[in-house]
Amino acid sequence: MLGLIGPNGAGKTTLFECLAGLAHADGGEVKFRDSRIAAAHRKRALFYLPDAIRPWADQTVNWALGFFGRLYGRSNNETSETAGALGLEALMSARISSLSKGELKRALLALALQTRHQLLLLDEPFDGLDLRQTRDVMTLLKTHALEGRTLFLSIHQLVDASRVCDRVVLLSAGKVVGEGTLAELKVKAGLTEGGLEEVFLALT
């Protein structure tokens, strides 16, 4: 569980789009399993879930989950378990266009988690969720990480990041200002106490 941390406008979404091959990068390279992977082939290695998209707006949540389930060879039970874990049972017949921000976020996360990709890039996975929903989604994402998936999450809420991430990358104005565990970042920042917020303020 790797967190990409930074305020709005820091460049988190831009970095994700470059990694996914959707935006041009001026430099650097992306490697997967020690081999350089071209932008056109990155969808084989990772699944990128952007923030604030609304795919198939006229279709129902049930249709979208079923489509992804068939696309990635998931059983009906697996699809139902994912929907249940995200509290989508009461929304299955709702059209995607009618979903609130939080409902849409949970539906999109269900789609991403049904894929078979070992690397998921999730842009602001907790945005729009209430406290209980955020806790439940964190638990679910941790379960997928324990099962062998790598999750790269962009997060602007430092409290959320400190609760769910094993390591973090701190981004400020498009530049990486720190990377590591909280303990490692505290050493870099010269702090003996405090949390991720204090570390971020010290390094930016």
N, C-alpha and C. Protein backbone atom coordinates (compact mmCIF):
# COMPACT_ATOMS: atom_id res chain seq x y z
N MET A 1 0.86 -1.17 0.00
CA MET A 1 0.00 0.00 0.00
C MET A 1 0.90 1.23 0.00
N LEU A 2 1.02 1.83 -1.17
CA LEU A 2 1.87 3.01 -1.35
C LEU A 2 0.98 4.22 -1.56
N GLY A 3 1.22 5.26 -0.78
CA GLY A 3 0.41 6.47 -0.90
C GLY A 3 1.16 7.57 -1.62
N LEU A 4 0.48 8.23 -2.54
CA LEU A 4 1.01 9.42 -3.20
C LEU A 4 0.30 10.61 -2.55
N ILE A 5 1.05 11.35 -1.74
CA ILE A 5 0.46 12.33 -0.85
C ILE A 5 0.80 13.75 -1.30
N GLY A 6 -0.21 14.58 -1.30
CA GLY A 6 0.04 15.98 -1.64
C GLY A 6 -1.26 16.75 -1.72
N PRO A 7 -1.20 18.07 -1.59
CA PRO A 7 -2.41 18.88 -1.68
C PRO A 7 -2.95 18.89 -3.10
N ASN A 8 -4.17 19.38 -3.26
CA ASN A 8 -4.74 19.54 -4.60
C ASN A 8 -3.82 20.43 -5.43
N GLY A 9 -3.55 19.99 -6.66
CA GLY A 9 -2.67 20.75 -7.54
C GLY A 9 -1.21 20.37 -7.44
N ALA A 10 -0.89 19.39 -6.60
CA ALA A 10 0.51 18.99 -6.43
C ALA A 10 1.05 18.20 -7.62
N GLY A 11 0.13 17.59 -8.40
CA GLY A 11 0.55 16.81 -9.55
C GLY A 11 0.27 15.32 -9.43
N LYS A 12 -0.56 14.93 -8.47
CA LYS A 12 -0.83 13.51 -8.23
C LYS A 12 -1.52 12.86 -9.43
N THR A 13 -2.57 13.47 -9.91
CA THR A 13 -3.30 12.89 -11.05
C THR A 13 -2.45 12.90 -12.31
N THR A 14 -1.68 13.95 -12.51
CA THR A 14 -0.80 14.02 -13.68
C THR A 14 0.21 12.88 -13.65
N LEU A 15 0.79 12.62 -12.48
CA LEU A 15 1.75 11.51 -12.36
C LEU A 15 1.08 10.18 -12.67
N PHE A 16 -0.12 9.97 -12.14
CA PHE A 16 -0.84 8.72 -12.41
C PHE A 16 -1.12 8.57 -13.90
N GLU A 17 -1.50 9.66 -14.55
CA GLU A 17 -1.80 9.59 -15.99
C GLU A 17 -0.54 9.28 -16.79
N CYS A 18 0.60 9.81 -16.35
CA CYS A 18 1.87 9.48 -17.02
C CYS A 18 2.23 8.02 -16.80
N LEU A 19 2.08 7.52 -15.59
CA LEU A 19 2.38 6.12 -15.30
C LEU A 19 1.49 5.18 -16.11
N ALA A 20 0.22 5.56 -16.25
CA ALA A 20 -0.73 4.72 -16.97
C ALA A 20 -0.58 4.82 -18.49
N GLY A 21 0.23 5.77 -18.95
CA GLY A 21 0.43 5.92 -20.38
C GLY A 21 -0.60 6.79 -21.06
N LEU A 22 -1.38 7.52 -20.27
CA LEU A 22 -2.43 8.38 -20.82
C LEU A 22 -1.95 9.79 -21.09
N ALA A 23 -0.84 10.17 -20.47
CA ALA A 23 -0.27 11.51 -20.68
C ALA A 23 1.21 11.36 -21.00
N HIS A 24 1.72 12.27 -21.80
CA HIS A 24 3.12 12.23 -22.20
C HIS A 24 4.02 12.64 -21.04
N ALA A 25 5.09 11.90 -20.84
CA ALA A 25 6.08 12.24 -19.82
C ALA A 25 7.33 12.79 -20.51
N ASP A 26 7.88 13.85 -19.97
CA ASP A 26 9.07 14.46 -20.56
C ASP A 26 10.34 13.65 -20.33
N GLY A 27 10.33 12.80 -19.30
CA GLY A 27 11.52 12.02 -19.01
C GLY A 27 11.18 10.85 -18.11
N GLY A 28 12.21 10.04 -17.84
CA GLY A 28 12.01 8.88 -16.97
C GLY A 28 11.47 7.69 -17.73
N GLU A 29 11.33 6.59 -17.01
CA GLU A 29 10.80 5.37 -17.61
C GLU A 29 10.00 4.60 -16.57
N VAL A 30 9.13 3.74 -17.05
CA VAL A 30 8.32 2.90 -16.18
C VAL A 30 8.77 1.46 -16.37
N LYS A 31 9.07 0.80 -15.27
CA LYS A 31 9.47 -0.60 -15.32
C LYS A 31 8.45 -1.47 -14.60
N PHE A 32 8.23 -2.65 -15.12
CA PHE A 32 7.34 -3.63 -14.50
C PHE A 32 8.08 -4.96 -14.48
N ARG A 33 8.28 -5.49 -13.26
CA ARG A 33 9.04 -6.73 -13.08
C ARG A 33 10.42 -6.63 -13.74
N ASP A 34 11.08 -5.52 -13.48
CA ASP A 34 12.46 -5.25 -13.90
C ASP A 34 12.63 -5.02 -15.39
N SER A 35 11.54 -4.90 -16.13
CA SER A 35 11.63 -4.64 -17.57
C SER A 35 10.89 -3.35 -17.91
N ARG A 36 11.50 -2.54 -18.78
CA ARG A 36 10.86 -1.30 -19.22
C ARG A 36 9.59 -1.64 -19.99
N ILE A 37 8.52 -0.92 -19.70
CA ILE A 37 7.25 -1.19 -20.36
C ILE A 37 6.76 0.08 -21.05
N ALA A 38 6.48 -0.03 -22.34
CA ALA A 38 6.05 1.12 -23.13
C ALA A 38 4.65 1.55 -22.71
N ALA A 39 4.33 2.81 -22.98
CA ALA A 39 3.04 3.36 -22.58
C ALA A 39 1.87 2.56 -23.15
N ALA A 40 2.00 2.10 -24.40
CA ALA A 40 0.91 1.39 -25.05
C ALA A 40 0.62 0.04 -24.42
N HIS A 41 1.57 -0.49 -23.65
CA HIS A 41 1.41 -1.83 -23.07
C HIS A 41 1.14 -1.81 -21.57
N ARG A 42 1.04 -0.64 -20.98
CA ARG A 42 0.93 -0.58 -19.52
C ARG A 42 -0.40 -1.09 -19.00
N LYS A 43 -1.43 -1.07 -19.84
CA LYS A 43 -2.72 -1.59 -19.39
C LYS A 43 -2.66 -3.09 -19.11
N ARG A 44 -1.64 -3.77 -19.62
CA ARG A 44 -1.47 -5.18 -19.30
C ARG A 44 -0.94 -5.36 -17.88
N ALA A 45 -0.20 -4.35 -17.40
CA ALA A 45 0.47 -4.47 -16.10
C ALA A 45 -0.33 -3.84 -14.97
N LEU A 46 -1.10 -2.80 -15.27
CA LEU A 46 -1.77 -2.07 -14.20
C LEU A 46 -3.17 -1.65 -14.63
N PHE A 47 -4.00 -1.37 -13.63
CA PHE A 47 -5.32 -0.82 -13.87
C PHE A 47 -5.40 0.51 -13.16
N TYR A 48 -5.73 1.55 -13.91
CA TYR A 48 -5.81 2.91 -13.36
C TYR A 48 -7.26 3.32 -13.23
N LEU A 49 -7.66 3.69 -12.02
CA LEU A 49 -9.01 4.19 -11.77
C LEU A 49 -8.95 5.69 -11.51
N PRO A 50 -9.33 6.51 -12.49
CA PRO A 50 -9.31 7.96 -12.28
C PRO A 50 -10.38 8.39 -11.29
N ASP A 51 -10.25 9.60 -10.81
CA ASP A 51 -11.24 10.18 -9.92
C ASP A 51 -12.30 10.89 -10.76
N ALA A 52 -13.54 10.89 -10.26
CA ALA A 52 -14.62 11.71 -10.82
C ALA A 52 -14.98 11.37 -12.26
N ILE A 53 -14.89 10.10 -12.63
CA ILE A 53 -15.43 9.68 -13.93
C ILE A 53 -16.79 9.03 -13.69
N ARG A 54 -17.61 8.97 -14.73
CA ARG A 54 -18.95 8.38 -14.60
C ARG A 54 -19.22 7.54 -15.86
N PRO A 55 -18.65 6.35 -15.94
CA PRO A 55 -18.80 5.54 -17.15
C PRO A 55 -20.19 4.92 -17.25
N TRP A 56 -20.65 4.71 -18.49
CA TRP A 56 -21.93 4.06 -18.75
C TRP A 56 -23.05 4.67 -17.91
N ALA A 57 -23.19 5.97 -18.00
CA ALA A 57 -24.11 6.70 -17.12
C ALA A 57 -25.55 6.19 -17.19
N ASP A 58 -25.97 5.68 -18.36
CA ASP A 58 -27.35 5.23 -18.50
C ASP A 58 -27.57 3.78 -18.06
N GLN A 59 -26.49 3.09 -17.72
CA GLN A 59 -26.61 1.70 -17.28
C GLN A 59 -26.73 1.62 -15.76
N THR A 60 -27.15 0.45 -15.27
CA THR A 60 -27.28 0.27 -13.83
C THR A 60 -25.96 -0.20 -13.21
N VAL A 61 -25.88 -0.07 -11.91
CA VAL A 61 -24.71 -0.57 -11.19
C VAL A 61 -24.57 -2.07 -11.41
N ASN A 62 -25.68 -2.78 -11.38
CA ASN A 62 -25.66 -4.23 -11.60
C ASN A 62 -25.09 -4.58 -12.97
N TRP A 63 -25.47 -3.82 -13.99
CA TRP A 63 -24.97 -4.08 -15.34
C TRP A 63 -23.45 -3.86 -15.39
N ALA A 64 -22.98 -2.76 -14.80
CA ALA A 64 -21.55 -2.45 -14.85
C ALA A 64 -20.73 -3.51 -14.12
N LEU A 65 -21.18 -3.91 -12.93
CA LEU A 65 -20.45 -4.93 -12.18
C LEU A 65 -20.48 -6.26 -12.91
N GLY A 66 -21.61 -6.59 -13.51
CA GLY A 66 -21.71 -7.82 -14.27
C GLY A 66 -20.81 -7.82 -15.49
N PHE A 67 -20.73 -6.67 -16.15
CA PHE A 67 -19.85 -6.54 -17.33
C PHE A 67 -18.40 -6.75 -16.95
N PHE A 68 -17.96 -6.09 -15.89
CA PHE A 68 -16.58 -6.24 -15.45
C PHE A 68 -16.32 -7.66 -14.94
N GLY A 69 -17.31 -8.23 -14.28
CA GLY A 69 -17.15 -9.59 -13.79
C GLY A 69 -16.92 -10.57 -14.93
N ARG A 70 -17.71 -10.43 -15.98
CA ARG A 70 -17.53 -11.32 -17.15
C ARG A 70 -16.23 -11.01 -17.87
N LEU A 71 -15.87 -9.73 -17.94
CA LEU A 71 -14.65 -9.34 -18.64
C LEU A 71 -13.41 -9.94 -17.98
N TYR A 72 -13.43 -10.03 -16.67
CA TYR A 72 -12.26 -10.51 -15.94
C TYR A 72 -12.46 -11.90 -15.33
N GLY A 73 -13.48 -12.61 -15.79
CA GLY A 73 -13.66 -14.00 -15.38
C GLY A 73 -14.01 -14.18 -13.92
N ARG A 74 -14.74 -13.24 -13.35
CA ARG A 74 -15.17 -13.37 -11.97
C ARG A 74 -16.49 -14.15 -11.90
N SER A 75 -16.63 -14.97 -10.87
CA SER A 75 -17.88 -15.69 -10.68
C SER A 75 -18.94 -14.74 -10.14
N ASN A 76 -20.20 -15.15 -10.22
CA ASN A 76 -21.29 -14.33 -9.67
C ASN A 76 -21.10 -14.12 -8.18
N ASN A 77 -20.60 -15.15 -7.50
CA ASN A 77 -20.36 -15.02 -6.06
C ASN A 77 -19.29 -13.98 -5.76
N GLU A 78 -18.21 -13.98 -6.56
CA GLU A 78 -17.15 -13.00 -6.35
C GLU A 78 -17.68 -11.58 -6.56
N THR A 79 -18.47 -11.40 -7.62
CA THR A 79 -19.05 -10.08 -7.89
C THR A 79 -19.96 -9.65 -6.76
N SER A 80 -20.77 -10.57 -6.26
CA SER A 80 -21.68 -10.25 -5.16
C SER A 80 -20.92 -9.92 -3.89
N GLU A 81 -19.83 -10.64 -3.63
CA GLU A 81 -19.02 -10.37 -2.43
C GLU A 81 -18.40 -8.98 -2.49
N THR A 82 -17.91 -8.60 -3.66
CA THR A 82 -17.32 -7.27 -3.81
C THR A 82 -18.38 -6.19 -3.61
N ALA A 83 -19.55 -6.40 -4.21
CA ALA A 83 -20.64 -5.43 -4.05
C ALA A 83 -21.05 -5.32 -2.59
N GLY A 84 -21.14 -6.45 -1.90
CA GLY A 84 -21.53 -6.45 -0.50
C GLY A 84 -20.51 -5.75 0.38
N ALA A 85 -19.22 -5.99 0.11
CA ALA A 85 -18.17 -5.38 0.91
C ALA A 85 -18.17 -3.86 0.79
N LEU A 86 -18.68 -3.36 -0.32
CA LEU A 86 -18.72 -1.92 -0.55
C LEU A 86 -20.11 -1.33 -0.32
N GLY A 87 -21.03 -2.14 0.21
CA GLY A 87 -22.36 -1.65 0.55
C GLY A 87 -23.19 -1.23 -0.65
N LEU A 88 -23.07 -1.98 -1.74
CA LEU A 88 -23.77 -1.61 -2.98
C LEU A 88 -25.08 -2.36 -3.21
N GLU A 89 -25.46 -3.25 -2.29
CA GLU A 89 -26.63 -4.09 -2.54
C GLU A 89 -27.88 -3.27 -2.87
N ALA A 90 -28.11 -2.19 -2.14
CA ALA A 90 -29.32 -1.38 -2.35
C ALA A 90 -29.24 -0.51 -3.59
N LEU A 91 -28.07 -0.47 -4.24
CA LEU A 91 -27.87 0.41 -5.40
C LEU A 91 -27.81 -0.35 -6.71
N MET A 92 -27.96 -1.65 -6.68
CA MET A 92 -27.73 -2.45 -7.87
C MET A 92 -28.64 -2.07 -9.03
N SER A 93 -29.86 -1.67 -8.75
CA SER A 93 -30.80 -1.31 -9.82
C SER A 93 -30.74 0.18 -10.19
N ALA A 94 -29.90 0.95 -9.47
CA ALA A 94 -29.80 2.39 -9.74
C ALA A 94 -28.95 2.65 -10.97
N ARG A 95 -29.35 3.64 -11.75
CA ARG A 95 -28.53 4.04 -12.90
C ARG A 95 -27.31 4.81 -12.41
N ILE A 96 -26.20 4.61 -13.07
CA ILE A 96 -24.96 5.25 -12.65
C ILE A 96 -25.08 6.77 -12.67
N SER A 97 -25.89 7.29 -13.57
CA SER A 97 -26.09 8.74 -13.64
C SER A 97 -26.74 9.31 -12.39
N SER A 98 -27.46 8.47 -11.64
CA SER A 98 -28.20 8.95 -10.47
C SER A 98 -27.41 8.84 -9.17
N LEU A 99 -26.23 8.26 -9.20
CA LEU A 99 -25.49 8.02 -7.97
C LEU A 99 -24.90 9.31 -7.40
N SER A 100 -24.87 9.39 -6.09
CA SER A 100 -24.20 10.50 -5.42
C SER A 100 -22.70 10.30 -5.55
N LYS A 101 -21.94 11.28 -5.09
CA LYS A 101 -20.48 11.21 -5.20
C LYS A 101 -19.93 9.99 -4.46
N GLY A 102 -20.39 9.78 -3.24
CA GLY A 102 -19.92 8.64 -2.47
C GLY A 102 -20.36 7.31 -3.03
N GLU A 103 -21.61 7.25 -3.52
CA GLU A 103 -22.11 6.01 -4.13
C GLU A 103 -21.32 5.67 -5.39
N LEU A 104 -21.06 6.70 -6.20
CA LEU A 104 -20.29 6.49 -7.42
C LEU A 104 -18.88 6.01 -7.10
N LYS A 105 -18.26 6.59 -6.07
CA LYS A 105 -16.91 6.19 -5.69
C LYS A 105 -16.88 4.72 -5.32
N ARG A 106 -17.84 4.24 -4.55
CA ARG A 106 -17.87 2.85 -4.15
C ARG A 106 -18.13 1.92 -5.34
N ALA A 107 -18.98 2.35 -6.27
CA ALA A 107 -19.23 1.55 -7.47
C ALA A 107 -17.97 1.44 -8.33
N LEU A 108 -17.24 2.55 -8.48
CA LEU A 108 -16.01 2.53 -9.27
C LEU A 108 -14.95 1.65 -8.62
N LEU A 109 -14.84 1.71 -7.29
CA LEU A 109 -13.89 0.86 -6.60
C LEU A 109 -14.23 -0.62 -6.79
N ALA A 110 -15.52 -0.93 -6.82
CA ALA A 110 -15.93 -2.31 -7.07
C ALA A 110 -15.47 -2.78 -8.44
N LEU A 111 -15.54 -1.90 -9.44
CA LEU A 111 -15.06 -2.26 -10.77
C LEU A 111 -13.57 -2.53 -10.75
N ALA A 112 -12.80 -1.64 -10.12
CA ALA A 112 -11.35 -1.79 -10.09
C ALA A 112 -10.94 -3.07 -9.38
N LEU A 113 -11.61 -3.39 -8.29
CA LEU A 113 -11.23 -4.57 -7.50
C LEU A 113 -11.62 -5.87 -8.19
N GLN A 114 -12.49 -5.80 -9.18
CA GLN A 114 -12.84 -7.01 -9.93
C GLN A 114 -11.84 -7.36 -11.02
N THR A 115 -10.94 -6.45 -11.33
CA THR A 115 -9.94 -6.74 -12.35
C THR A 115 -8.96 -7.78 -11.81
N ARG A 116 -8.11 -8.30 -12.69
CA ARG A 116 -7.11 -9.28 -12.30
C ARG A 116 -5.71 -8.67 -12.16
N HIS A 117 -5.60 -7.36 -12.35
CA HIS A 117 -4.30 -6.71 -12.32
C HIS A 117 -3.69 -6.76 -10.92
N GLN A 118 -2.39 -7.02 -10.86
CA GLN A 118 -1.69 -7.06 -9.59
C GLN A 118 -1.32 -5.67 -9.08
N LEU A 119 -1.36 -4.68 -9.98
CA LEU A 119 -1.07 -3.30 -9.59
C LEU A 119 -2.27 -2.42 -9.91
N LEU A 120 -2.80 -1.77 -8.88
CA LEU A 120 -3.93 -0.86 -9.05
C LEU A 120 -3.49 0.55 -8.69
N LEU A 121 -3.79 1.51 -9.57
CA LEU A 121 -3.59 2.92 -9.30
C LEU A 121 -4.97 3.52 -9.03
N LEU A 122 -5.21 3.95 -7.80
CA LEU A 122 -6.52 4.45 -7.40
C LEU A 122 -6.39 5.93 -7.04
N ASP A 123 -7.02 6.78 -7.83
CA ASP A 123 -6.95 8.23 -7.63
C ASP A 123 -8.02 8.66 -6.64
N GLU A 124 -7.61 9.14 -5.47
CA GLU A 124 -8.50 9.62 -4.41
C GLU A 124 -9.60 8.60 -4.07
N PRO A 125 -9.22 7.41 -3.62
CA PRO A 125 -10.23 6.36 -3.37
C PRO A 125 -11.19 6.65 -2.22
N PHE A 126 -10.86 7.61 -1.36
CA PHE A 126 -11.73 7.90 -0.21
C PHE A 126 -12.52 9.19 -0.36
N ASP A 127 -12.33 9.89 -1.46
CA ASP A 127 -13.00 11.17 -1.67
C ASP A 127 -14.51 10.94 -1.82
N GLY A 128 -15.30 11.61 -1.01
CA GLY A 128 -16.76 11.47 -1.07
C GLY A 128 -17.32 10.46 -0.10
N LEU A 129 -16.46 9.70 0.59
CA LEU A 129 -16.93 8.69 1.52
C LEU A 129 -17.06 9.27 2.93
N ASP A 130 -18.06 8.79 3.68
CA ASP A 130 -18.16 9.22 5.06
C ASP A 130 -17.19 8.40 5.92
N LEU A 131 -17.16 8.69 7.21
CA LEU A 131 -16.17 8.07 8.09
C LEU A 131 -16.28 6.55 8.12
N ARG A 132 -17.49 6.04 8.24
CA ARG A 132 -17.69 4.59 8.29
C ARG A 132 -17.31 3.94 6.97
N GLN A 133 -17.74 4.55 5.86
CA GLN A 133 -17.41 4.01 4.54
C GLN A 133 -15.91 4.02 4.30
N THR A 134 -15.24 5.09 4.72
CA THR A 134 -13.79 5.17 4.57
C THR A 134 -13.11 4.04 5.33
N ARG A 135 -13.55 3.79 6.54
CA ARG A 135 -12.98 2.70 7.35
C ARG A 135 -13.19 1.36 6.67
N ASP A 136 -14.40 1.13 6.15
CA ASP A 136 -14.70 -0.16 5.50
C ASP A 136 -13.89 -0.34 4.23
N VAL A 137 -13.73 0.74 3.45
CA VAL A 137 -12.95 0.65 2.21
C VAL A 137 -11.48 0.40 2.54
N MET A 138 -10.97 1.06 3.56
CA MET A 138 -9.58 0.81 3.98
C MET A 138 -9.36 -0.65 4.33
N THR A 139 -10.30 -1.23 5.07
CA THR A 139 -10.20 -2.64 5.46
C THR A 139 -10.19 -3.52 4.22
N LEU A 140 -11.06 -3.22 3.26
CA LEU A 140 -11.13 -4.01 2.04
C LEU A 140 -9.85 -3.90 1.22
N LEU A 141 -9.32 -2.71 1.09
CA LEU A 141 -8.08 -2.53 0.33
C LEU A 141 -6.91 -3.24 1.00
N LYS A 142 -6.86 -3.21 2.32
CA LYS A 142 -5.81 -3.92 3.04
C LYS A 142 -5.91 -5.43 2.79
N THR A 143 -7.13 -5.93 2.70
CA THR A 143 -7.33 -7.35 2.41
C THR A 143 -6.75 -7.71 1.05
N HIS A 144 -6.99 -6.88 0.05
CA HIS A 144 -6.45 -7.13 -1.29
C HIS A 144 -4.93 -7.05 -1.27
N ALA A 145 -4.37 -6.13 -0.49
CA ALA A 145 -2.91 -6.03 -0.38
C ALA A 145 -2.32 -7.29 0.25
N LEU A 146 -2.99 -7.81 1.27
CA LEU A 146 -2.52 -9.02 1.93
C LEU A 146 -2.59 -10.23 1.01
N GLU A 147 -3.47 -10.18 0.02
CA GLU A 147 -3.61 -11.26 -0.94
C GLU A 147 -2.62 -11.15 -2.09
N GLY A 148 -1.76 -10.13 -2.06
CA GLY A 148 -0.68 -10.05 -3.03
C GLY A 148 -0.75 -8.91 -4.03
N ARG A 149 -1.77 -8.08 -3.93
CA ARG A 149 -1.87 -6.95 -4.84
C ARG A 149 -1.07 -5.77 -4.31
N THR A 150 -0.58 -4.95 -5.23
CA THR A 150 0.05 -3.68 -4.86
C THR A 150 -0.91 -2.56 -5.21
N LEU A 151 -1.20 -1.71 -4.25
CA LEU A 151 -2.13 -0.61 -4.44
C LEU A 151 -1.37 0.70 -4.27
N PHE A 152 -1.47 1.55 -5.28
CA PHE A 152 -0.84 2.87 -5.28
C PHE A 152 -1.98 3.88 -5.22
N LEU A 153 -2.11 4.57 -4.10
CA LEU A 153 -3.25 5.44 -3.85
C LEU A 153 -2.83 6.90 -3.82
N SER A 154 -3.53 7.74 -4.56
CA SER A 154 -3.31 9.18 -4.41
C SER A 154 -4.29 9.70 -3.37
N ILE A 155 -3.77 10.43 -2.40
CA ILE A 155 -4.58 10.87 -1.26
C ILE A 155 -4.17 12.30 -0.89
N HIS A 156 -5.16 13.15 -0.66
CA HIS A 156 -4.81 14.50 -0.19
C HIS A 156 -5.08 14.68 1.30
N GLN A 157 -5.81 13.73 1.90
CA GLN A 157 -6.05 13.79 3.34
C GLN A 157 -4.96 13.01 4.07
N LEU A 158 -4.12 13.72 4.81
CA LEU A 158 -2.97 13.09 5.45
C LEU A 158 -3.38 12.09 6.52
N VAL A 159 -4.49 12.33 7.19
CA VAL A 159 -4.95 11.38 8.21
C VAL A 159 -5.30 10.05 7.58
N ASP A 160 -6.01 10.08 6.44
CA ASP A 160 -6.34 8.85 5.74
C ASP A 160 -5.08 8.12 5.31
N ALA A 161 -4.12 8.84 4.79
CA ALA A 161 -2.88 8.23 4.31
C ALA A 161 -2.14 7.53 5.44
N SER A 162 -2.08 8.17 6.61
CA SER A 162 -1.34 7.57 7.73
C SER A 162 -2.03 6.32 8.25
N ARG A 163 -3.34 6.20 8.03
CA ARG A 163 -4.08 5.03 8.52
C ARG A 163 -3.96 3.83 7.60
N VAL A 164 -3.70 4.04 6.32
CA VAL A 164 -3.81 2.92 5.38
C VAL A 164 -2.52 2.57 4.66
N CYS A 165 -1.58 3.49 4.55
CA CYS A 165 -0.41 3.27 3.70
C CYS A 165 0.78 2.69 4.47
N ASP A 166 1.48 1.76 3.83
CA ASP A 166 2.72 1.22 4.39
C ASP A 166 3.88 2.19 4.14
N ARG A 167 3.90 2.78 2.96
CA ARG A 167 4.92 3.76 2.58
C ARG A 167 4.21 4.89 1.85
N VAL A 168 4.84 6.05 1.82
CA VAL A 168 4.25 7.19 1.14
C VAL A 168 5.30 7.91 0.31
N VAL A 169 4.82 8.55 -0.75
CA VAL A 169 5.62 9.48 -1.55
C VAL A 169 5.00 10.85 -1.35
N LEU A 170 5.78 11.81 -0.88
CA LEU A 170 5.28 13.16 -0.65
C LEU A 170 5.55 14.01 -1.88
N LEU A 171 4.50 14.60 -2.40
CA LEU A 171 4.60 15.39 -3.63
C LEU A 171 4.21 16.83 -3.33
N SER A 172 5.03 17.76 -3.78
CA SER A 172 4.74 19.18 -3.58
C SER A 172 5.14 19.93 -4.84
N ALA A 173 4.17 20.63 -5.45
CA ALA A 173 4.43 21.41 -6.66
C ALA A 173 5.12 20.59 -7.74
N GLY A 174 4.69 19.36 -7.90
CA GLY A 174 5.21 18.51 -8.96
C GLY A 174 6.53 17.84 -8.66
N LYS A 175 7.05 17.99 -7.45
CA LYS A 175 8.34 17.40 -7.11
C LYS A 175 8.21 16.48 -5.91
N VAL A 176 8.94 15.38 -5.93
CA VAL A 176 8.97 14.46 -4.80
C VAL A 176 9.88 15.06 -3.73
N VAL A 177 9.33 15.26 -2.53
CA VAL A 177 10.10 15.84 -1.43
C VAL A 177 10.41 14.82 -0.34
N GLY A 178 9.90 13.60 -0.49
CA GLY A 178 10.18 12.56 0.48
C GLY A 178 9.52 11.26 0.09
N GLU A 179 10.15 10.14 0.47
CA GLU A 179 9.57 8.82 0.17
C GLU A 179 10.05 7.84 1.22
N GLY A 180 9.13 7.03 1.74
CA GLY A 180 9.50 6.01 2.71
C GLY A 180 8.39 5.76 3.70
N THR A 181 8.72 5.03 4.77
CA THR A 181 7.78 4.82 5.86
C THR A 181 7.71 6.10 6.68
N LEU A 182 6.71 6.17 7.57
CA LEU A 182 6.58 7.35 8.41
C LEU A 182 7.84 7.52 9.27
N ALA A 183 8.38 6.41 9.79
CA ALA A 183 9.58 6.49 10.62
C ALA A 183 10.76 7.03 9.83
N GLU A 184 10.91 6.57 8.59
CA GLU A 184 12.01 7.04 7.75
C GLU A 184 11.87 8.52 7.41
N LEU A 185 10.64 8.94 7.16
CA LEU A 185 10.40 10.34 6.81
C LEU A 185 10.61 11.26 8.01
N LYS A 186 10.29 10.77 9.19
CA LYS A 186 10.53 11.58 10.39
C LYS A 186 12.02 11.82 10.59
N VAL A 187 12.83 10.81 10.30
CA VAL A 187 14.28 10.98 10.39
C VAL A 187 14.75 12.02 9.38
N LYS A 188 14.23 11.90 8.14
CA LYS A 188 14.63 12.86 7.11
C LYS A 188 14.23 14.28 7.48
N ALA A 189 13.07 14.40 8.11
CA ALA A 189 12.57 15.73 8.48
C ALA A 189 13.20 16.24 9.77
N GLY A 190 13.96 15.39 10.46
CA GLY A 190 14.58 15.80 11.70
C GLY A 190 13.60 15.89 12.86
N LEU A 191 12.55 15.08 12.80
CA LEU A 191 11.53 15.09 13.85
C LEU A 191 11.63 13.85 14.72
N THR A 192 11.34 14.00 15.99
CA THR A 192 11.33 12.86 16.90
C THR A 192 9.92 12.45 17.27
N GLU A 193 8.97 13.30 16.99
CA GLU A 193 7.57 12.98 17.26
C GLU A 193 6.70 13.66 16.23
N GLY A 194 5.38 13.38 16.32
CA GLY A 194 4.45 13.94 15.35
C GLY A 194 4.07 12.92 14.30
N GLY A 195 3.10 13.26 13.48
CA GLY A 195 2.61 12.35 12.47
C GLY A 195 2.96 12.82 11.06
N LEU A 196 2.21 12.30 10.11
CA LEU A 196 2.48 12.58 8.70
C LEU A 196 2.28 14.06 8.38
N GLU A 197 1.34 14.69 9.03
CA GLU A 197 1.11 16.11 8.77
C GLU A 197 2.33 16.94 9.13
N GLU A 198 2.92 16.67 10.30
CA GLU A 198 4.10 17.41 10.73
C GLU A 198 5.28 17.14 9.81
N VAL A 199 5.41 15.88 9.36
CA VAL A 199 6.48 15.52 8.43
C VAL A 199 6.32 16.28 7.12
N PHE A 200 5.09 16.31 6.60
CA PHE A 200 4.85 16.98 5.33
C PHE A 200 5.16 18.48 5.44
N LEU A 201 4.75 19.09 6.52
CA LEU A 201 5.01 20.51 6.69
C LEU A 201 6.48 20.80 6.82
N ALA A 202 7.22 19.87 7.45
CA ALA A 202 8.66 20.07 7.61
C ALA A 202 9.43 19.91 6.31
N LEU A 203 8.92 19.10 5.39
CA LEU A 203 9.65 18.80 4.17
C LEU A 203 9.21 19.66 2.98
N THR A 204 8.15 20.43 3.14
CA THR A 204 7.66 21.24 2.00
C THR A 204 7.76 22.72 2.33
